[in-house]
Amino acid sequence: MKKQENIFLSVLTPEKTVVEVQVSKVELPASKGRFVVLRDHAPVITSLEEGDVVYETAGGEERLHVLIGFAEVNENVVTVCARI
């Protein structure tokens, strides 16, 4: 991966860790509308609605459908806790 592509994405469910990967961007289905997280995004905690978490890895775009949950963005780490 290129140096600027260093956001760490972690997706957790009540049962297990589903995703742990370095990404260049993450798009989240937040309760107040979808938004994209890029490197050096401001810290935020948001609730999530049903929709796809879309993320870009070195291998291309990937999607994970979530039912409900929340996400935290802090210091280039995106942590999603959700039901899938």
PDB file of N, CA and C in Angstrom:
ATOM      1  N   MET A   1       0.823  -1.188   0.000  1.00  0.00           N
ATOM      2  CA  MET A   1       0.000   0.000   0.000  1.00  0.00           C
ATOM      3  C   MET A   1       0.864   1.248   0.000  1.00  0.00           C
ATOM      4  N   LYS A   2       0.360   2.290  -0.610  1.00  0.00           N
ATOM      5  CA  LYS A   2       1.067   3.561  -0.592  1.00  0.00           C
ATOM      6  C   LYS A   2       1.037   4.150   0.809  1.00  0.00           C
ATOM      7  N   LYS A   3       1.999   5.001   1.103  1.00  0.00           N
ATOM      8  CA  LYS A   3       2.106   5.553   2.455  1.00  0.00           C
ATOM      9  C   LYS A   3       0.856   6.315   2.882  1.00  0.00           C
ATOM     10  N   GLN A   4       0.208   7.090   1.960  1.00  0.00           N
ATOM     11  CA  GLN A   4      -0.953   7.864   2.369  1.00  0.00           C
ATOM     12  C   GLN A   4      -2.171   6.980   2.667  1.00  0.00           C
ATOM     13  N   GLU A   5      -2.108   5.713   2.304  1.00  0.00           N
ATOM     14  CA  GLU A   5      -3.231   4.813   2.531  1.00  0.00           C
ATOM     15  C   GLU A   5      -3.059   4.076   3.858  1.00  0.00           C
ATOM     16  N   ASN A   6      -3.105   4.802   4.938  1.00  0.00           N
ATOM     17  CA  ASN A   6      -2.866   4.124   6.202  1.00  0.00           C
ATOM     18  C   ASN A   6      -3.907   4.464   7.253  1.00  0.00           C
ATOM     19  N   ILE A   7      -5.137   4.166   6.917  1.00  0.00           N
ATOM     20  CA  ILE A   7      -6.207   4.179   7.909  1.00  0.00           C
ATOM     21  C   ILE A   7      -6.399   2.723   8.310  1.00  0.00           C
ATOM     22  N   PHE A   8      -6.492   2.462   9.590  1.00  0.00           N
ATOM     23  CA  PHE A   8      -6.736   1.095  10.039  1.00  0.00           C
ATOM     24  C   PHE A   8      -8.222   0.947  10.318  1.00  0.00           C
ATOM     25  N   LEU A   9      -8.860  -0.020   9.667  1.00  0.00           N
ATOM     26  CA  LEU A   9     -10.284  -0.289   9.849  1.00  0.00           C
ATOM     27  C   LEU A   9     -10.462  -1.581  10.621  1.00  0.00           C
ATOM     28  N   SER A  10     -11.257  -1.497  11.671  1.00  0.00           N
ATOM     29  CA  SER A  10     -11.603  -2.670  12.459  1.00  0.00           C
ATOM     30  C   SER A  10     -13.122  -2.732  12.560  1.00  0.00           C
ATOM     31  N   VAL A  11     -13.699  -3.863  12.165  1.00  0.00           N
ATOM     32  CA  VAL A  11     -15.145  -4.063  12.273  1.00  0.00           C
ATOM     33  C   VAL A  11     -15.386  -5.222  13.228  1.00  0.00           C
ATOM     34  N   LEU A  12     -16.124  -4.930  14.293  1.00  0.00           N
ATOM     35  CA  LEU A  12     -16.405  -5.910  15.339  1.00  0.00           C
ATOM     36  C   LEU A  12     -17.902  -6.161  15.421  1.00  0.00           C
ATOM     37  N   THR A  13     -18.272  -7.411  15.665  1.00  0.00           N
ATOM     38  CA  THR A  13     -19.659  -7.762  15.951  1.00  0.00           C
ATOM     39  C   THR A  13     -19.693  -8.292  17.381  1.00  0.00           C
ATOM     40  N   PRO A  14     -20.871  -8.526  17.941  1.00  0.00           N
ATOM     41  CA  PRO A  14     -20.910  -9.109  19.286  1.00  0.00           C
ATOM     42  C   PRO A  14     -20.233 -10.481  19.359  1.00  0.00           C
ATOM     43  N   GLU A  15     -20.158 -11.166  18.226  1.00  0.00           N
ATOM     44  CA  GLU A  15     -19.597 -12.511  18.206  1.00  0.00           C
ATOM     45  C   GLU A  15     -18.100 -12.557  17.920  1.00  0.00           C
ATOM     46  N   LYS A  16     -17.610 -11.658  17.022  1.00  0.00           N
ATOM     47  CA  LYS A  16     -16.218 -11.777  16.604  1.00  0.00           C
ATOM     48  C   LYS A  16     -15.742 -10.532  15.868  1.00  0.00           C
ATOM     49  N   THR A  17     -14.443 -10.481  15.609  1.00  0.00           N
ATOM     50  CA  THR A  17     -13.861  -9.451  14.757  1.00  0.00           C
ATOM     51  C   THR A  17     -14.023  -9.920  13.314  1.00  0.00           C
ATOM     52  N   VAL A  18     -14.629  -9.071  12.484  1.00  0.00           N
ATOM     53  CA  VAL A  18     -14.935  -9.441  11.103  1.00  0.00           C
ATOM     54  C   VAL A  18     -13.881  -8.916  10.129  1.00  0.00           C
ATOM     55  N   VAL A  19     -13.400  -7.694  10.369  1.00  0.00           N
ATOM     56  CA  VAL A  19     -12.439  -7.061   9.461  1.00  0.00           C
ATOM     57  C   VAL A  19     -11.361  -6.372  10.280  1.00  0.00           C
ATOM     58  N   GLU A  20     -10.114  -6.549   9.892  1.00  0.00           N
ATOM     59  CA  GLU A  20      -8.982  -5.775  10.399  1.00  0.00           C
ATOM     60  C   GLU A  20      -8.063  -5.569   9.206  1.00  0.00           C
ATOM     61  N   VAL A  21      -8.034  -4.328   8.671  1.00  0.00           N
ATOM     62  CA  VAL A  21      -7.312  -4.101   7.422  1.00  0.00           C
ATOM     63  C   VAL A  21      -6.895  -2.638   7.297  1.00  0.00           C
ATOM     64  N   GLN A  22      -5.798  -2.411   6.577  1.00  0.00           N
ATOM     65  CA  GLN A  22      -5.361  -1.064   6.229  1.00  0.00           C
ATOM     66  C   GLN A  22      -6.139  -0.631   4.990  1.00  0.00           C
ATOM     67  N   VAL A  23      -6.659   0.593   5.002  1.00  0.00           N
ATOM     68  CA  VAL A  23      -7.474   1.097   3.895  1.00  0.00           C
ATOM     69  C   VAL A  23      -7.078   2.524   3.550  1.00  0.00           C
ATOM     70  N   SER A  24      -7.518   2.964   2.372  1.00  0.00           N
ATOM     71  CA  SER A  24      -7.268   4.353   1.982  1.00  0.00           C
ATOM     72  C   SER A  24      -8.463   5.237   2.305  1.00  0.00           C
ATOM     73  N   LYS A  25      -9.667   4.639   2.366  1.00  0.00           N
ATOM     74  CA  LYS A  25     -10.859   5.400   2.753  1.00  0.00           C
ATOM     75  C   LYS A  25     -11.932   4.442   3.225  1.00  0.00           C
ATOM     76  N   VAL A  26     -12.867   4.987   4.007  1.00  0.00           N
ATOM     77  CA  VAL A  26     -14.006   4.227   4.518  1.00  0.00           C
ATOM     78  C   VAL A  26     -15.242   5.095   4.361  1.00  0.00           C
ATOM     79  N   GLU A  27     -16.313   4.516   3.825  1.00  0.00           N
ATOM     80  CA  GLU A  27     -17.594   5.214   3.735  1.00  0.00           C
ATOM     81  C   GLU A  27     -18.561   4.524   4.682  1.00  0.00           C
ATOM     82  N   LEU A  28     -19.190   5.317   5.558  1.00  0.00           N
ATOM     83  CA  LEU A  28     -20.040   4.772   6.622  1.00  0.00           C
ATOM     84  C   LEU A  28     -21.492   5.217   6.470  1.00  0.00           C
ATOM     85  N   PRO A  29     -22.448   4.325   6.784  1.00  0.00           N
ATOM     86  CA  PRO A  29     -23.868   4.674   6.738  1.00  0.00           C
ATOM     87  C   PRO A  29     -24.331   5.282   8.064  1.00  0.00           C
ATOM     88  N   ALA A  30     -23.899   6.483   8.336  1.00  0.00           N
ATOM     89  CA  ALA A  30     -24.220   7.131   9.615  1.00  0.00           C
ATOM     90  C   ALA A  30     -25.701   7.502   9.682  1.00  0.00           C
ATOM     91  N   SER A  31     -26.203   7.646  10.881  1.00  0.00           N
ATOM     92  CA  SER A  31     -27.616   7.965  11.094  1.00  0.00           C
ATOM     93  C   SER A  31     -28.034   9.293  10.484  1.00  0.00           C
ATOM     94  N   LYS A  32     -27.114  10.238  10.386  1.00  0.00           N
ATOM     95  CA  LYS A  32     -27.435  11.545   9.802  1.00  0.00           C
ATOM     96  C   LYS A  32     -26.933  11.668   8.368  1.00  0.00           C
ATOM     97  N   GLY A  33     -26.660  10.538   7.725  1.00  0.00           N
ATOM     98  CA  GLY A  33     -26.214  10.538   6.338  1.00  0.00           C
ATOM     99  C   GLY A  33     -24.868   9.875   6.172  1.00  0.00           C
ATOM    100  N   ARG A  34     -24.636   9.353   4.972  1.00  0.00           N
ATOM    101  CA  ARG A  34     -23.360   8.690   4.678  1.00  0.00           C
ATOM    102  C   ARG A  34     -22.223   9.703   4.701  1.00  0.00           C
ATOM    103  N   PHE A  35     -21.037   9.254   5.143  1.00  0.00           N
ATOM    104  CA  PHE A  35     -19.873  10.121   5.053  1.00  0.00           C
ATOM    105  C   PHE A  35     -18.619   9.288   4.836  1.00  0.00           C
ATOM    106  N   VAL A  36     -17.606   9.940   4.281  1.00  0.00           N
ATOM    107  CA  VAL A  36     -16.350   9.282   3.938  1.00  0.00           C
ATOM    108  C   VAL A  36     -15.271   9.710   4.924  1.00  0.00           C
ATOM    109  N   VAL A  37     -14.493   8.753   5.372  1.00  0.00           N
ATOM    110  CA  VAL A  37     -13.352   9.007   6.241  1.00  0.00           C
ATOM    111  C   VAL A  37     -12.089   8.835   5.416  1.00  0.00           C
ATOM    112  N   LEU A  38     -11.286   9.871   5.355  1.00  0.00           N
ATOM    113  CA  LEU A  38      -9.977   9.842   4.714  1.00  0.00           C
ATOM    114  C   LEU A  38      -8.914  10.043   5.787  1.00  0.00           C
ATOM    115  N   ARG A  39      -7.672   9.895   5.407  1.00  0.00           N
ATOM    116  CA  ARG A  39      -6.555  10.071   6.352  1.00  0.00           C
ATOM    117  C   ARG A  39      -6.663  11.433   7.054  1.00  0.00           C
ATOM    118  N   ASP A  40      -6.362  11.446   8.332  1.00  0.00           N
ATOM    119  CA  ASP A  40      -6.367  12.644   9.171  1.00  0.00           C
ATOM    120  C   ASP A  40      -7.757  13.255   9.359  1.00  0.00           C
ATOM    121  N   HIS A  41      -8.788  12.434   9.277  1.00  0.00           N
ATOM    122  CA  HIS A  41     -10.161  12.888   9.549  1.00  0.00           C
ATOM    123  C   HIS A  41     -10.264  13.322  11.011  1.00  0.00           C
ATOM    124  N   ALA A  42     -11.081  14.296  11.274  1.00  0.00           N
ATOM    125  CA  ALA A  42     -11.314  14.746  12.650  1.00  0.00           C
ATOM    126  C   ALA A  42     -11.931  13.615  13.470  1.00  0.00           C
ATOM    127  N   PRO A  43     -11.635  13.561  14.761  1.00  0.00           N
ATOM    128  CA  PRO A  43     -12.244  12.535  15.608  1.00  0.00           C
ATOM    129  C   PRO A  43     -13.766  12.677  15.635  1.00  0.00           C
ATOM    130  N   VAL A  44     -14.452  11.544  15.620  1.00  0.00           N
ATOM    131  CA  VAL A  44     -15.909  11.544  15.643  1.00  0.00           C
ATOM    132  C   VAL A  44     -16.405  10.196  16.150  1.00  0.00           C
ATOM    133  N   ILE A  45     -17.545  10.238  16.819  1.00  0.00           N
ATOM    134  CA  ILE A  45     -18.280   9.027  17.182  1.00  0.00           C
ATOM    135  C   ILE A  45     -19.672   9.204  16.614  1.00  0.00           C
ATOM    136  N   THR A  46     -20.186   8.186  15.904  1.00  0.00           N
ATOM    137  CA  THR A  46     -21.485   8.298  15.262  1.00  0.00           C
ATOM    138  C   THR A  46     -22.239   6.980  15.336  1.00  0.00           C
ATOM    139  N   SER A  47     -23.544   7.072  15.363  1.00  0.00           N
ATOM    140  CA  SER A  47     -24.367   5.866  15.268  1.00  0.00           C
ATOM    141  C   SER A  47     -24.523   5.510  13.789  1.00  0.00           C
ATOM    142  N   LEU A  48     -24.735   4.226  13.536  1.00  0.00           N
ATOM    143  CA  LEU A  48     -24.881   3.742  12.168  1.00  0.00           C
ATOM    144  C   LEU A  48     -26.271   3.176  11.955  1.00  0.00           C
ATOM    145  N   GLU A  49     -26.767   3.366  10.746  1.00  0.00           N
ATOM    146  CA  GLU A  49     -28.028   2.763  10.324  1.00  0.00           C
ATOM    147  C   GLU A  49     -27.717   1.610   9.385  1.00  0.00           C
ATOM    148  N   GLU A  50     -28.752   0.877   9.001  1.00  0.00           N
ATOM    149  CA  GLU A  50     -28.551  -0.215   8.060  1.00  0.00           C
ATOM    150  C   GLU A  50     -27.998   0.313   6.744  1.00  0.00           C
ATOM    151  N   GLY A  51     -26.985  -0.347   6.259  1.00  0.00           N
ATOM    152  CA  GLY A  51     -26.356   0.031   5.000  1.00  0.00           C
ATOM    153  C   GLY A  51     -24.999  -0.622   4.864  1.00  0.00           C
ATOM    154  N   ASP A  52     -24.280  -0.241   3.816  1.00  0.00           N
ATOM    155  CA  ASP A  52     -22.977  -0.831   3.544  1.00  0.00           C
ATOM    156  C   ASP A  52     -21.841   0.033   4.072  1.00  0.00           C
ATOM    157  N   VAL A  53     -20.882  -0.605   4.736  1.00  0.00           N
ATOM    158  CA  VAL A  53     -19.603   0.016   5.025  1.00  0.00           C
ATOM    159  C   VAL A  53     -18.745  -0.301   3.799  1.00  0.00           C
ATOM    160  N   VAL A  54     -18.323   0.738   3.096  1.00  0.00           N
ATOM    161  CA  VAL A  54     -17.550   0.570   1.864  1.00  0.00           C
ATOM    162  C   VAL A  54     -16.128   1.032   2.152  1.00  0.00           C
ATOM    163  N   TYR A  55     -15.145   0.185   1.838  1.00  0.00           N
ATOM    164  CA  TYR A  55     -13.761   0.552   2.115  1.00  0.00           C
ATOM    165  C   TYR A  55     -12.860   0.147   0.961  1.00  0.00           C
ATOM    166  N   GLU A  56     -11.798   0.923   0.792  1.00  0.00           N
ATOM    167  CA  GLU A  56     -10.861   0.743  -0.312  1.00  0.00           C
ATOM    168  C   GLU A  56      -9.549   0.184   0.224  1.00  0.00           C
ATOM    169  N   THR A  57      -9.216  -1.035  -0.214  1.00  0.00           N
ATOM    170  CA  THR A  57      -7.950  -1.665   0.156  1.00  0.00           C
ATOM    171  C   THR A  57      -7.022  -1.659  -1.055  1.00  0.00           C
ATOM    172  N   ALA A  58      -5.830  -2.191  -0.878  1.00  0.00           N
ATOM    173  CA  ALA A  58      -4.897  -2.299  -2.001  1.00  0.00           C
ATOM    174  C   ALA A  58      -5.473  -3.197  -3.094  1.00  0.00           C
ATOM    175  N   GLY A  59      -6.347  -4.113  -2.714  1.00  0.00           N
ATOM    176  CA  GLY A  59      -6.954  -5.038  -3.673  1.00  0.00           C
ATOM    177  C   GLY A  59      -8.218  -4.520  -4.325  1.00  0.00           C
ATOM    178  N   GLY A  60      -8.692  -3.347  -3.925  1.00  0.00           N
ATOM    179  CA  GLY A  60      -9.911  -2.788  -4.512  1.00  0.00           C
ATOM    180  C   GLY A  60     -10.963  -2.480  -3.468  1.00  0.00           C
ATOM    181  N   GLU A  61     -12.149  -2.144  -3.964  1.00  0.00           N
ATOM    182  CA  GLU A  61     -13.255  -1.758  -3.085  1.00  0.00           C
ATOM    183  C   GLU A  61     -13.943  -2.992  -2.525  1.00  0.00           C
ATOM    184  N   GLU A  62     -14.260  -2.933  -1.238  1.00  0.00           N
ATOM    185  CA  GLU A  62     -14.985  -4.016  -0.580  1.00  0.00           C
ATOM    186  C   GLU A  62     -16.155  -3.425   0.194  1.00  0.00           C
ATOM    187  N   ARG A  63     -17.173  -4.252   0.443  1.00  0.00           N
ATOM    188  CA  ARG A  63     -18.380  -3.822   1.143  1.00  0.00           C
ATOM    189  C   ARG A  63     -18.740  -4.821   2.236  1.00  0.00           C
ATOM    190  N   LEU A  64     -19.313  -4.285   3.300  1.00  0.00           N
ATOM    191  CA  LEU A  64     -19.830  -5.118   4.374  1.00  0.00           C
ATOM    192  C   LEU A  64     -21.151  -4.502   4.822  1.00  0.00           C
ATOM    193  N   HIS A  65     -22.227  -5.264   4.737  1.00  0.00           N
ATOM    194  CA  HIS A  65     -23.545  -4.757   5.113  1.00  0.00           C
ATOM    195  C   HIS A  65     -23.714  -4.839   6.633  1.00  0.00           C
ATOM    196  N   VAL A  66     -24.111  -3.732   7.244  1.00  0.00           N
ATOM    197  CA  VAL A  66     -24.371  -3.698   8.682  1.00  0.00           C
ATOM    198  C   VAL A  66     -25.839  -3.362   8.916  1.00  0.00           C
ATOM    199  N   LEU A  67     -26.374  -3.855  10.031  1.00  0.00           N
ATOM    200  CA  LEU A  67     -27.783  -3.599  10.368  1.00  0.00           C
ATOM    201  C   LEU A  67     -27.933  -2.372  11.252  1.00  0.00           C
ATOM    202  N   ILE A  68     -27.061  -2.262  12.236  1.00  0.00           N
ATOM    203  CA  ILE A  68     -27.087  -1.145  13.177  1.00  0.00           C
ATOM    204  C   ILE A  68     -25.790  -1.181  13.970  1.00  0.00           C
ATOM    205  N   GLY A  69     -25.397  -0.045  14.509  1.00  0.00           N
ATOM    206  CA  GLY A  69     -24.185  -0.027  15.314  1.00  0.00           C
ATOM    207  C   GLY A  69     -23.671   1.377  15.526  1.00  0.00           C
ATOM    208  N   PHE A  70     -22.378   1.482  15.776  1.00  0.00           N
ATOM    209  CA  PHE A  70     -21.749   2.793  15.921  1.00  0.00           C
ATOM    210  C   PHE A  70     -20.314   2.708  15.417  1.00  0.00           C
ATOM    211  N   ALA A  71     -19.726   3.868  15.159  1.00  0.00           N
ATOM    212  CA  ALA A  71     -18.350   3.929  14.677  1.00  0.00           C
ATOM    213  C   ALA A  71     -17.604   5.038  15.396  1.00  0.00           C
ATOM    214  N   GLU A  72     -16.325   4.803  15.609  1.00  0.00           N
ATOM    215  CA  GLU A  72     -15.441   5.812  16.178  1.00  0.00           C
ATOM    216  C   GLU A  72     -14.293   6.030  15.202  1.00  0.00           C
ATOM    217  N   VAL A  73     -13.983   7.298  14.946  1.00  0.00           N
ATOM    218  CA  VAL A  73     -12.838   7.676  14.125  1.00  0.00           C
ATOM    219  C   VAL A  73     -11.904   8.463  15.034  1.00  0.00           C
ATOM    220  N   ASN A  74     -10.645   8.008  15.131  1.00  0.00           N
ATOM    221  CA  ASN A  74      -9.684   8.695  15.989  1.00  0.00           C
ATOM    222  C   ASN A  74      -8.273   8.338  15.555  1.00  0.00           C
ATOM    223  N   GLU A  75      -7.480   9.334  15.206  1.00  0.00           N
ATOM    224  CA  GLU A  75      -6.065   9.177  14.858  1.00  0.00           C
ATOM    225  C   GLU A  75      -5.849   8.100  13.796  1.00  0.00           C
ATOM    226  N   ASN A  76      -6.593   8.202  12.692  1.00  0.00           N
ATOM    227  CA  ASN A  76      -6.479   7.305  11.545  1.00  0.00           C
ATOM    228  C   ASN A  76      -6.832   5.863  11.859  1.00  0.00           C
ATOM    229  N   VAL A  77      -7.682   5.672  12.856  1.00  0.00           N
ATOM    230  CA  VAL A  77      -8.237   4.358  13.167  1.00  0.00           C
ATOM    231  C   VAL A  77      -9.756   4.502  13.140  1.00  0.00           C
ATOM    232  N   VAL A  78     -10.406   3.630  12.363  1.00  0.00           N
ATOM    233  CA  VAL A  78     -11.871   3.591  12.309  1.00  0.00           C
ATOM    234  C   VAL A  78     -12.298   2.271  12.933  1.00  0.00           C
ATOM    235  N   THR A  79     -13.059   2.359  14.022  1.00  0.00           N
ATOM    236  CA  THR A  79     -13.565   1.178  14.693  1.00  0.00           C
ATOM    237  C   THR A  79     -15.075   1.150  14.543  1.00  0.00           C
ATOM    238  N   VAL A  80     -15.582   0.080  13.963  1.00  0.00           N
ATOM    239  CA  VAL A  80     -17.018  -0.090  13.761  1.00  0.00           C
ATOM    240  C   VAL A  80     -17.470  -1.245  14.647  1.00  0.00           C
ATOM    241  N   CYS A  81     -18.465  -1.006  15.475  1.00  0.00           N
ATOM    242  CA  CYS A  81     -19.091  -2.046  16.285  1.00  0.00           C
ATOM    243  C   CYS A  81     -20.525  -2.159  15.786  1.00  0.00           C
ATOM    244  N   ALA A  82     -20.882  -3.318  15.216  1.00  0.00           N
ATOM    245  CA  ALA A  82     -22.187  -3.404  14.548  1.00  0.00           C
ATOM    246  C   ALA A  82     -22.707  -4.830  14.531  1.00  0.00           C
ATOM    247  N   ARG A  83     -23.989  -4.921  14.284  1.00  0.00           N
ATOM    248  CA  ARG A  83     -24.624  -6.209  13.981  1.00  0.00           C
ATOM    249  C   ARG A  83     -24.658  -6.336  12.472  1.00  0.00           C
ATOM    250  N   ILE A  84     -24.304  -7.532  12.001  1.00  0.00           N
ATOM    251  CA  ILE A  84     -24.324  -7.741  10.550  1.00  0.00           C
ATOM    252  C   ILE A  84     -25.265  -8.885  10.193  1.00  0.00           C
TER     253      ILE A  84
END
